[in-house]
Amino acid sequence: LRSLTEDLEKLNVIKSTFKVHKILILSQKFA
C-alpha cells in the first residue's frame, strides 16, 4: 500500500511538471 501511494505521488509530480512545461511552451509561442 505504501509503494502505491509513492507511485501516485510520483505520477502527480510528473503531471504537474508536464503542465508547467506545456504552459512555458505555449507562453513562448505567443511571446
PDB file of N, CA and C in Angstrom:
ATOM      1  N   LEU A   1       0.839  -1.205   0.000  1.00  0.00           N
ATOM      2  CA  LEU A   1       0.000   0.000   0.000  1.00  0.00           C
ATOM      3  C   LEU A   1       0.877   1.260   0.000  1.00  0.00           C
ATOM      4  N   ARG A   2       1.990   1.202   0.726  1.00  0.00           N
ATOM      5  CA  ARG A   2       2.873   2.357   0.815  1.00  0.00           C
ATOM      6  C   ARG A   2       3.504   2.675  -0.545  1.00  0.00           C
ATOM      7  N   SER A   3       3.900   1.630  -1.262  1.00  0.00           N
ATOM      8  CA  SER A   3       4.539   1.848  -2.561  1.00  0.00           C
ATOM      9  C   SER A   3       3.538   2.419  -3.565  1.00  0.00           C
ATOM     10  N   LEU A   4       2.272   2.019  -3.430  1.00  0.00           N
ATOM     11  CA  LEU A   4       1.230   2.541  -4.317  1.00  0.00           C
ATOM     12  C   LEU A   4       1.057   4.042  -4.106  1.00  0.00           C
ATOM     13  N   THR A   5       1.086   4.464  -2.845  1.00  0.00           N
ATOM     14  CA  THR A   5       0.971   5.892  -2.536  1.00  0.00           C
ATOM     15  C   THR A   5       2.159   6.650  -3.101  1.00  0.00           C
ATOM     16  N   GLU A   6       3.343   6.072  -3.003  1.00  0.00           N
ATOM     17  CA  GLU A   6       4.546   6.714  -3.541  1.00  0.00           C
ATOM     18  C   GLU A   6       4.460   6.838  -5.060  1.00  0.00           C
ATOM     19  N   ASP A   7       3.927   5.805  -5.711  1.00  0.00           N
ATOM     20  CA  ASP A   7       3.762   5.852  -7.163  1.00  0.00           C
ATOM     21  C   ASP A   7       2.786   6.954  -7.560  1.00  0.00           C
ATOM     22  N   LEU A   8       1.711   7.089  -6.783  1.00  0.00           N
ATOM     23  CA  LEU A   8       0.730   8.131  -7.079  1.00  0.00           C
ATOM     24  C   LEU A   8       1.332   9.517  -6.900  1.00  0.00           C
ATOM     25  N   GLU A   9       2.156   9.673  -5.882  1.00  0.00           N
ATOM     26  CA  GLU A   9       2.822  10.960  -5.655  1.00  0.00           C
ATOM     27  C   GLU A   9       3.762  11.285  -6.807  1.00  0.00           C
ATOM     28  N   LYS A  10       4.515  10.283  -7.261  1.00  0.00           N
ATOM     29  CA  LYS A  10       5.421  10.477  -8.398  1.00  0.00           C
ATOM     30  C   LYS A  10       4.639  10.879  -9.639  1.00  0.00           C
ATOM     31  N   LEU A  11       3.498  10.212  -9.856  1.00  0.00           N
ATOM     32  CA  LEU A  11       2.664  10.495 -11.014  1.00  0.00           C
ATOM     33  C   LEU A  11       2.150  11.935 -10.959  1.00  0.00           C
ATOM     34  N   ASN A  12       1.747  12.384  -9.769  1.00  0.00           N
ATOM     35  CA  ASN A  12       1.268  13.758  -9.616  1.00  0.00           C
ATOM     36  C   ASN A  12       2.379  14.763  -9.893  1.00  0.00           C
ATOM     37  N   VAL A  13       3.586  14.456  -9.442  1.00  0.00           N
ATOM     38  CA  VAL A  13       4.736  15.336  -9.693  1.00  0.00           C
ATOM     39  C   VAL A  13       5.007  15.418 -11.192  1.00  0.00           C
ATOM     40  N   ILE A  14       4.972  14.274 -11.855  1.00  0.00           N
ATOM     41  CA  ILE A  14       5.209  14.231 -13.300  1.00  0.00           C
ATOM     42  C   ILE A  14       4.132  15.022 -14.040  1.00  0.00           C
ATOM     43  N   LYS A  15       2.879  14.848 -13.603  1.00  0.00           N
ATOM     44  CA  LYS A  15       1.766  15.554 -14.244  1.00  0.00           C
ATOM     45  C   LYS A  15       1.896  17.063 -14.093  1.00  0.00           C
ATOM     46  N   SER A  16       2.183  17.516 -12.877  1.00  0.00           N
ATOM     47  CA  SER A  16       2.292  18.959 -12.646  1.00  0.00           C
ATOM     48  C   SER A  16       3.506  19.535 -13.366  1.00  0.00           C
ATOM     49  N   THR A  17       4.600  18.765 -13.431  1.00  0.00           N
ATOM     50  CA  THR A  17       5.790  19.219 -14.159  1.00  0.00           C
ATOM     51  C   THR A  17       5.471  19.356 -15.642  1.00  0.00           C
ATOM     52  N   PHE A  18       4.737  18.387 -16.172  1.00  0.00           N
ATOM     53  CA  PHE A  18       4.344  18.407 -17.578  1.00  0.00           C
ATOM     54  C   PHE A  18       3.449  19.601 -17.865  1.00  0.00           C
ATOM     55  N   LYS A  19       2.530  19.890 -16.928  1.00  0.00           N
ATOM     56  CA  LYS A  19       1.613  21.016 -17.076  1.00  0.00           C
ATOM     57  C   LYS A  19       2.391  22.328 -17.137  1.00  0.00           C
ATOM     58  N   VAL A  20       3.334  22.490 -16.218  1.00  0.00           N
ATOM     59  CA  VAL A  20       4.169  23.702 -16.189  1.00  0.00           C
ATOM     60  C   VAL A  20       4.974  23.806 -17.485  1.00  0.00           C
ATOM     61  N   HIS A  21       5.508  22.685 -17.939  1.00  0.00           N
ATOM     62  CA  HIS A  21       6.297  22.648 -19.166  1.00  0.00           C
ATOM     63  C   HIS A  21       5.454  23.088 -20.359  1.00  0.00           C
ATOM     64  N   LYS A  22       4.211  22.589 -20.418  1.00  0.00           N
ATOM     65  CA  LYS A  22       3.301  22.929 -21.503  1.00  0.00           C
ATOM     66  C   LYS A  22       2.965  24.417 -21.491  1.00  0.00           C
ATOM     67  N   ILE A  23       2.734  24.965 -20.297  1.00  0.00           N
ATOM     68  CA  ILE A  23       2.430  26.387 -20.151  1.00  0.00           C
ATOM     69  C   ILE A  23       3.612  27.229 -20.630  1.00  0.00           C
ATOM     70  N   LEU A  24       4.831  26.795 -20.273  1.00  0.00           N
ATOM     71  CA  LEU A  24       6.026  27.526 -20.703  1.00  0.00           C
ATOM     72  C   LEU A  24       6.163  27.516 -22.218  1.00  0.00           C
ATOM     73  N   ILE A  25       5.906  26.367 -22.837  1.00  0.00           N
ATOM     74  CA  ILE A  25       5.991  26.254 -24.299  1.00  0.00           C
ATOM     75  C   ILE A  25       4.950  27.152 -24.960  1.00  0.00           C
ATOM     76  N   LEU A  26       3.725  27.136 -24.438  1.00  0.00           N
ATOM     77  CA  LEU A  26       2.663  27.958 -25.001  1.00  0.00           C
ATOM     78  C   LEU A  26       2.973  29.439 -24.856  1.00  0.00           C
ATOM     79  N   SER A  27       3.487  29.845 -23.700  1.00  0.00           N
ATOM     80  CA  SER A  27       3.793  31.256 -23.487  1.00  0.00           C
ATOM     81  C   SER A  27       4.944  31.706 -24.385  1.00  0.00           C
ATOM     82  N   GLN A  28       5.874  30.786 -24.696  1.00  0.00           N
ATOM     83  CA  GLN A  28       6.970  31.121 -25.611  1.00  0.00           C
ATOM     84  C   GLN A  28       6.450  31.261 -27.040  1.00  0.00           C
ATOM     85  N   LYS A  29       5.463  30.452 -27.404  1.00  0.00           N
ATOM     86  CA  LYS A  29       4.877  30.509 -28.741  1.00  0.00           C
ATOM     87  C   LYS A  29       4.209  31.858 -28.980  1.00  0.00           C
ATOM     88  N   PHE A  30       3.471  32.335 -27.966  1.00  0.00           N
ATOM     89  CA  PHE A  30       2.713  33.573 -28.128  1.00  0.00           C
ATOM     90  C   PHE A  30       3.509  34.808 -27.744  1.00  0.00           C
ATOM     91  N   ALA A  31       4.727  34.614 -27.243  1.00  0.00           N
ATOM     92  CA  ALA A  31       5.543  35.762 -26.826  1.00  0.00           C
ATOM     93  C   ALA A  31       6.104  36.487 -28.058  1.00  0.00           C
TER      94      ALA A  31
END
